[in-house]
Protein backbone atom coordinates (compact mmCIF):
# COMPACT_ATOMS: atom_id res chain seq x y z
CA UNK A 1 -25.33 11.34 -18.78
CA UNK A 2 -26.20 11.80 -15.12
CA UNK A 3 -29.52 14.10 -14.16
CA UNK A 4 -29.04 16.67 -11.46
CA UNK A 5 -32.29 18.50 -10.43
CA UNK A 6 -31.75 21.89 -9.03
CA UNK A 7 -34.21 23.81 -6.68
CA UNK A 8 -35.02 26.16 -9.50
CA UNK A 9 -36.01 22.96 -11.78
CA UNK A 10 -38.20 21.50 -8.88
CA UNK A 11 -40.33 24.74 -8.82
CA UNK A 12 -40.92 25.17 -12.34
CA UNK A 13 -41.80 21.21 -12.85
CA UNK A 14 -45.10 19.39 -11.89
CA UNK A 15 -45.19 16.50 -9.48
CA UNK A 16 -45.40 13.57 -12.43
CA UNK A 17 -42.32 15.47 -14.40
CA UNK A 18 -40.23 15.10 -11.04
CA UNK A 19 -41.44 11.71 -10.62
CA UNK A 20 -40.23 10.80 -14.01
CA UNK A 21 -36.69 12.12 -13.77
CA UNK A 22 -36.30 10.86 -9.99
CA UNK A 23 -37.27 7.25 -11.37
CA UNK A 24 -35.01 7.61 -14.74
CA UNK A 25 -32.06 9.34 -12.65
CA UNK A 26 -32.19 5.87 -10.40
CA UNK A 27 -32.07 3.72 -13.02
CA UNK A 28 -28.96 5.45 -14.77
CA UNK A 29 -27.12 5.31 -11.28
CA UNK A 30 -27.66 1.52 -11.27
CA UNK A 31 -24.56 0.54 -13.71
CA UNK A 32 -23.92 -3.12 -13.87
CA UNK A 33 -20.46 -4.29 -13.80
CA UNK A 34 -18.40 -3.27 -16.70
CA UNK A 35 -20.65 -0.70 -17.70
CA UNK A 36 -18.53 2.53 -18.87
CA UNK A 37 -19.27 4.47 -15.84
CA UNK A 38 -18.95 1.72 -13.22
CA UNK A 39 -15.16 1.33 -11.64
CA UNK A 40 -16.24 -2.30 -11.42
CA UNK A 41 -14.84 -4.40 -14.27
CA UNK A 42 -16.66 -7.04 -16.50
CA UNK A 43 -15.03 -10.31 -15.23
CA UNK A 44 -15.02 -11.79 -18.65
CA UNK A 45 -13.76 -8.62 -20.35
CA UNK A 46 -10.84 -8.90 -18.12
CA UNK A 47 -10.16 -12.67 -18.95
CA UNK A 48 -10.33 -12.14 -22.66
CA UNK A 49 -8.20 -9.20 -22.30
CA UNK A 50 -5.29 -10.34 -20.30
CA UNK A 51 -5.17 -13.40 -22.83
CA UNK A 52 -3.43 -11.25 -25.20
CA UNK A 53 -1.13 -9.61 -22.71
CA UNK A 54 2.48 -9.89 -23.29
CA UNK A 55 4.85 -8.86 -20.54
CA UNK A 56 7.31 -6.46 -20.84
CA UNK A 57 10.06 -5.89 -18.45
CA UNK A 58 10.10 -2.16 -19.17
CA UNK A 59 7.24 0.14 -18.12
CA UNK A 60 6.66 3.46 -20.31
CA UNK A 61 7.23 6.66 -18.27
CA UNK A 62 8.72 5.06 -15.12
CA UNK A 63 12.45 4.73 -14.17
CA UNK A 64 12.44 1.25 -12.56
CA UNK A 65 16.01 1.90 -11.72
CA UNK A 66 16.85 -1.80 -12.23
CA UNK A 67 20.55 -1.56 -11.32
CA UNK A 68 20.18 0.53 -8.44
CA UNK A 69 17.51 -1.96 -6.92
CA UNK A 70 20.07 -4.77 -7.41
CA UNK A 71 22.52 -2.98 -5.57
CA UNK A 72 20.19 -1.73 -2.76
CA UNK A 73 19.01 -5.54 -2.54
CA UNK A 74 22.60 -6.67 -2.22
CA UNK A 75 23.32 -3.89 0.77
CA UNK A 76 20.19 -5.47 2.57
CA UNK A 77 20.90 -9.15 1.91
CA UNK A 78 23.02 -9.66 5.13
CA UNK A 79 20.09 -8.25 7.25
CA UNK A 80 17.76 -10.53 5.19
CA UNK A 81 19.74 -13.87 5.48
CA UNK A 82 20.34 -13.17 9.32
CA UNK A 83 16.95 -12.01 10.07
CA UNK A 84 15.37 -12.34 13.39
CA UNK A 85 11.52 -13.05 12.92
CA UNK A 86 10.34 -16.56 14.05
CA UNK A 87 8.71 -18.61 11.85
CA UNK A 88 5.95 -19.63 14.40
CA UNK A 89 4.77 -18.16 17.61
CA UNK A 90 7.58 -17.44 20.55
CA UNK A 91 7.22 -15.61 23.51
CA UNK A 92 8.27 -11.35 23.16
CA UNK A 93 7.64 -11.67 19.80
CA UNK A 94 4.43 -10.27 18.33
CA UNK A 95 4.93 -11.37 14.55
CA UNK A 96 5.64 -14.82 13.20
CA UNK A 97 5.49 -16.26 9.65
CA UNK A 98 3.00 -18.81 10.15
CA UNK A 99 0.09 -16.44 11.73
CA UNK A 100 0.99 -13.45 9.56
CA UNK A 101 0.19 -15.06 6.18
CA UNK A 102 -1.15 -11.45 5.09
CA UNK A 103 2.49 -10.01 5.23
CA UNK A 104 4.74 -12.93 5.08
CA UNK A 105 8.16 -13.93 4.28
CA UNK A 106 9.58 -11.48 2.09
CA UNK A 107 7.51 -8.58 2.42
CA UNK A 108 8.11 -8.93 6.48
CA UNK A 109 12.03 -9.69 6.02
CA UNK A 110 12.40 -6.65 3.74
CA UNK A 111 10.72 -4.68 6.11
CA UNK A 112 12.70 -5.53 9.12
CA UNK A 113 15.79 -5.13 6.91
CA UNK A 114 14.70 -1.72 5.91
CA UNK A 115 14.13 -0.71 9.71
CA UNK A 116 17.53 -2.18 10.74
CA UNK A 117 19.42 -0.61 7.83
CA UNK A 118 17.92 3.00 7.91
CA UNK A 119 17.12 2.95 11.73
CA UNK A 120 14.61 5.75 11.19
CA UNK A 121 13.75 8.45 14.14
CA UNK A 122 10.28 8.40 12.91
CA UNK A 123 7.79 5.81 11.30
CA UNK A 124 3.92 6.34 10.40
CA UNK A 125 2.11 3.38 9.14
CA UNK A 126 -1.37 4.01 7.66
CA UNK A 127 -3.09 0.75 8.22
CA UNK A 128 -2.40 -2.19 10.66
CA UNK A 129 -1.90 -5.90 10.99
CA UNK A 130 0.83 -7.90 11.05
CA UNK A 131 3.41 -5.30 9.45
CA UNK A 132 2.61 -3.64 12.76
CA UNK A 133 3.89 -6.44 14.80
CA UNK A 134 6.94 -6.20 13.15
CA UNK A 135 7.56 -2.57 13.97
CA UNK A 136 6.79 -3.15 17.88
CA UNK A 137 8.95 -6.08 17.50
CA UNK A 138 12.20 -4.47 15.86
CA UNK A 139 11.39 -1.38 18.47
CA UNK A 140 11.69 -3.48 21.13
CA UNK A 141 14.46 -5.95 20.22
CA UNK A 142 16.65 -3.52 18.08
CA UNK A 143 15.79 -0.26 18.91
CA UNK A 144 15.25 -0.10 22.71
CA UNK A 145 11.94 1.97 21.68
CA UNK A 146 14.21 4.84 20.49
CA UNK A 147 11.96 5.40 17.30
CA UNK A 148 8.85 7.16 17.27
CA UNK A 149 5.98 5.26 15.99
CA UNK A 150 2.62 5.98 14.83
CA UNK A 151 -0.06 3.78 13.58
CA UNK A 152 -3.37 5.07 11.82
CA UNK A 153 -6.22 2.82 11.28
CA UNK A 154 -9.84 3.01 11.90
CA UNK A 155 -10.27 -0.67 12.39
CA UNK A 156 -6.85 -1.59 14.27
CA UNK A 157 -8.15 -5.11 15.61
CA UNK A 158 -5.09 -7.33 15.05
CA UNK A 159 -2.76 -4.74 16.63
CA UNK A 160 -5.19 -3.86 19.57
CA UNK A 161 -4.97 -7.82 20.46
CA UNK A 162 -1.26 -7.83 20.28
CA UNK A 163 -0.25 -4.48 21.89
CA UNK A 164 0.86 -4.60 25.77
CA UNK A 165 1.25 -1.76 28.20
CA UNK A 166 4.72 -1.08 26.95
CA UNK A 167 3.96 -1.03 23.07
CA UNK A 168 1.07 1.52 24.03
CA UNK A 169 3.53 3.50 25.82
CA UNK A 170 5.80 3.81 22.64
CA UNK A 171 3.13 3.91 20.02
CA UNK A 172 0.63 6.67 19.19
CA UNK A 173 -2.61 4.77 17.92
CA UNK A 174 -4.64 6.93 15.87
CA UNK A 175 -8.26 4.76 15.49
CA UNK A 176 -9.50 7.16 13.08
CA UNK A 177 -9.41 7.09 9.13
CA UNK A 178 -6.16 8.76 7.65
CA UNK A 179 -8.33 11.36 5.94
CA UNK A 180 -8.97 13.10 9.43
CA UNK A 181 -5.33 13.25 10.53
CA UNK A 182 -3.46 16.54 10.27
CA UNK A 183 -1.17 16.75 7.51
CA UNK A 184 1.40 18.03 9.53
CA UNK A 185 2.27 14.79 11.03
CA UNK A 186 3.37 13.69 7.62
CA UNK A 187 5.72 16.62 7.26
CA UNK A 188 7.48 16.05 10.28
CA UNK A 189 9.15 12.65 8.68
CA UNK A 190 12.54 13.58 7.88
CA UNK A 191 15.39 12.20 5.72
CA UNK A 192 15.61 8.08 6.47
CA UNK A 193 12.33 7.91 8.02
CA UNK A 194 9.33 5.97 6.71
CA UNK A 195 5.72 5.99 5.44
CA UNK A 196 4.47 2.95 5.50
CA UNK A 197 1.20 2.60 3.56
CA UNK A 198 -1.23 -0.63 3.68
CA UNK A 199 -4.21 1.25 2.53
CA UNK A 200 -7.85 0.19 1.45
CA UNK A 201 -6.19 -0.05 -2.02
CA UNK A 202 -9.42 1.85 -3.03
CA UNK A 203 -9.41 5.55 -5.08
CA UNK A 204 -12.83 6.77 -4.73
CA UNK A 205 -14.38 10.18 -3.51
CA UNK A 206 -12.89 11.11 0.05
CA UNK A 207 -11.20 7.71 0.61
CA UNK A 208 -7.86 7.20 2.38
CA UNK A 209 -6.05 6.65 -1.10
CA UNK A 210 -7.13 9.72 -2.51
CA UNK A 211 -6.12 11.49 0.20
CA UNK A 212 -2.53 10.14 0.66
CA UNK A 213 -1.74 10.84 -2.87
CA UNK A 214 -3.18 14.38 -2.98
CA UNK A 215 -2.23 15.29 0.50
CA UNK A 216 0.24 13.18 2.21
CA UNK A 217 2.87 12.23 -0.58
CA UNK A 218 3.08 15.91 -1.86
CA UNK A 219 4.17 16.99 1.65
CA UNK A 220 6.89 14.65 2.33
CA UNK A 221 10.28 16.08 2.68
CA UNK A 222 12.98 14.57 0.31
CA UNK A 223 14.73 11.38 1.88
CA UNK A 224 11.68 10.01 3.22
CA UNK A 225 11.08 6.34 2.27
CA UNK A 226 7.55 5.23 1.18
CA UNK A 227 5.94 1.72 1.10
CA UNK A 228 3.13 0.38 -0.60
CA UNK A 229 1.83 -3.07 -0.61
CA UNK A 230 0.02 -5.30 -3.12
CA UNK A 231 1.77 -3.95 -5.66
CA UNK A 232 2.52 -6.37 -8.46
CA UNK A 233 4.52 -5.81 -12.07
CA UNK A 234 3.35 -4.22 -14.05
CA UNK A 235 1.13 -2.36 -11.62
CA UNK A 236 -1.71 -4.62 -12.27
CA UNK A 237 -3.51 -7.21 -9.79
CA UNK A 238 -3.58 -10.84 -10.23
CA UNK A 239 -6.54 -12.19 -12.45
CA UNK A 240 -7.53 -14.36 -9.39
CA UNK A 241 -8.38 -11.31 -7.35
CA UNK A 242 -10.28 -9.81 -9.94
CA UNK A 243 -12.55 -12.77 -10.37
CA UNK A 244 -12.97 -12.65 -6.27
CA UNK A 245 -14.27 -9.42 -6.92
CA UNK A 246 -11.68 -7.21 -5.58
CA UNK A 247 -11.94 -4.08 -7.56
CA UNK A 248 -8.88 -2.45 -6.28
CA UNK A 249 -7.37 0.38 -8.09
CA UNK A 250 -4.55 1.83 -6.08
CA UNK A 251 -1.92 0.01 -8.41
CA UNK A 252 -3.19 1.94 -11.16
CA UNK A 253 -3.13 5.38 -9.37
CA UNK A 254 0.44 4.53 -8.07
CA UNK A 255 1.27 3.72 -11.89
CA UNK A 256 -0.16 6.85 -13.35
CA UNK A 257 1.72 8.94 -10.02
CA UNK A 258 5.05 7.75 -11.21
CA UNK A 259 5.13 8.13 -14.59
CA UNK A 260 7.46 11.19 -15.83
CA UNK A 261 7.78 11.49 -11.88
CA UNK A 262 11.45 11.97 -10.66
CA UNK A 263 10.85 13.27 -7.20
CA UNK A 264 9.55 9.39 -6.23
CA UNK A 265 12.28 6.95 -7.07
CA UNK A 266 11.56 3.04 -6.74
CA UNK A 267 14.18 1.65 -4.38
CA UNK A 268 13.13 -1.86 -3.96
CA UNK A 269 10.26 -3.63 -5.79
CA UNK A 270 9.72 -7.25 -4.54
CA UNK A 271 7.47 -8.67 -7.29
CA UNK A 272 9.84 -7.05 -10.08
CA UNK A 273 12.75 -8.30 -8.75
CA UNK A 274 11.49 -11.84 -8.25
CA UNK A 275 9.84 -11.71 -11.71
CA UNK A 276 13.05 -10.64 -13.77
CA UNK A 277 16.28 -11.47 -11.15
CA UNK A 278 14.69 -14.52 -9.45
CA UNK A 279 18.06 -15.55 -8.71
CA UNK A 280 19.37 -12.55 -7.18
CA UNK A 281 16.54 -12.02 -5.25
CA UNK A 282 16.32 -15.55 -3.62
CA UNK A 283 19.99 -15.46 -2.93
CA UNK A 284 19.64 -12.17 -0.98
CA UNK A 285 16.45 -13.28 0.52
CA UNK A 286 16.29 -17.30 0.73
CA UNK A 287 12.87 -17.47 2.63
CA UNK A 288 11.40 -15.45 -0.30
CA UNK A 289 11.01 -18.84 -2.03
CA UNK A 290 8.09 -19.27 0.55
CA UNK A 291 6.17 -16.00 -0.53
CA UNK A 292 7.97 -13.37 -2.59
CA UNK A 293 5.49 -10.51 -1.49
CA UNK A 294 4.31 -7.51 -3.14
CA UNK A 295 6.01 -4.52 -1.36
CA UNK A 296 7.28 -1.53 -3.25
CA UNK A 297 9.45 0.78 -1.66
CA UNK A 298 10.12 4.63 -2.81
CA UNK A 299 12.39 7.00 -1.71
CA UNK A 300 11.59 10.86 -1.90
CA UNK A 301 13.98 12.87 -4.01
CA UNK A 302 14.77 16.77 -3.99
């Protein structure tokens, strides 16, 4: 168990006892990967446990809304097949599939389709990068800049590189942690608006993920659409990512958040559809064969 030393304890202990406690407290907190107090898993333990995993489509406690997803996919299909995003760099476009590999093909195509289908009045993006380029491009080419767009990211390097004066005039960029943003900004989102989340993917004390789940999501009005990135069925991460040292846990938090939670409904899950309805998914989004993506879309209910 962790050792805590209060001021009254220090007054009663001699210097040797304090040094002893300090030394052993430090040792206790140096937990190795896989230790039951450490959030970082033991890679070999994960490898062995994954060998016995049996993939099931259904996830206990979560309504995957399978048929509704397929129906919504059909609604988006024309906008996905006739998508405008260029393959390589082109003038007047910030985004292209070749450079935007971190948010490419299916994820990008679904985002532009959602924007064109919903025609939101307000969009808030948490995190920034190539997805931000799509927001800017659709704003310019499809919306004539009539959609409010705010981006929140303490390190918006990619976005700042591509933004021009027109973009800056139509984008509120908050170069700070989302935890420092007044929650009133999220409360302003209305039916059909979008909260697009591509976070640090790590939930810990005072992190962005912790703030989003405990402060932002509960304040959203019904009808708001929410996006999470890098979410794979069944709410787990690829073994190769864990072996690389990516000790992300956002998917596990989202898994628990959605269990027995009827207020947040799954509307479209790229990886689920690719795994279990591949023909329908690729028929609707032919370019998804290049990269099926990891986007999960939700909508807030009443």
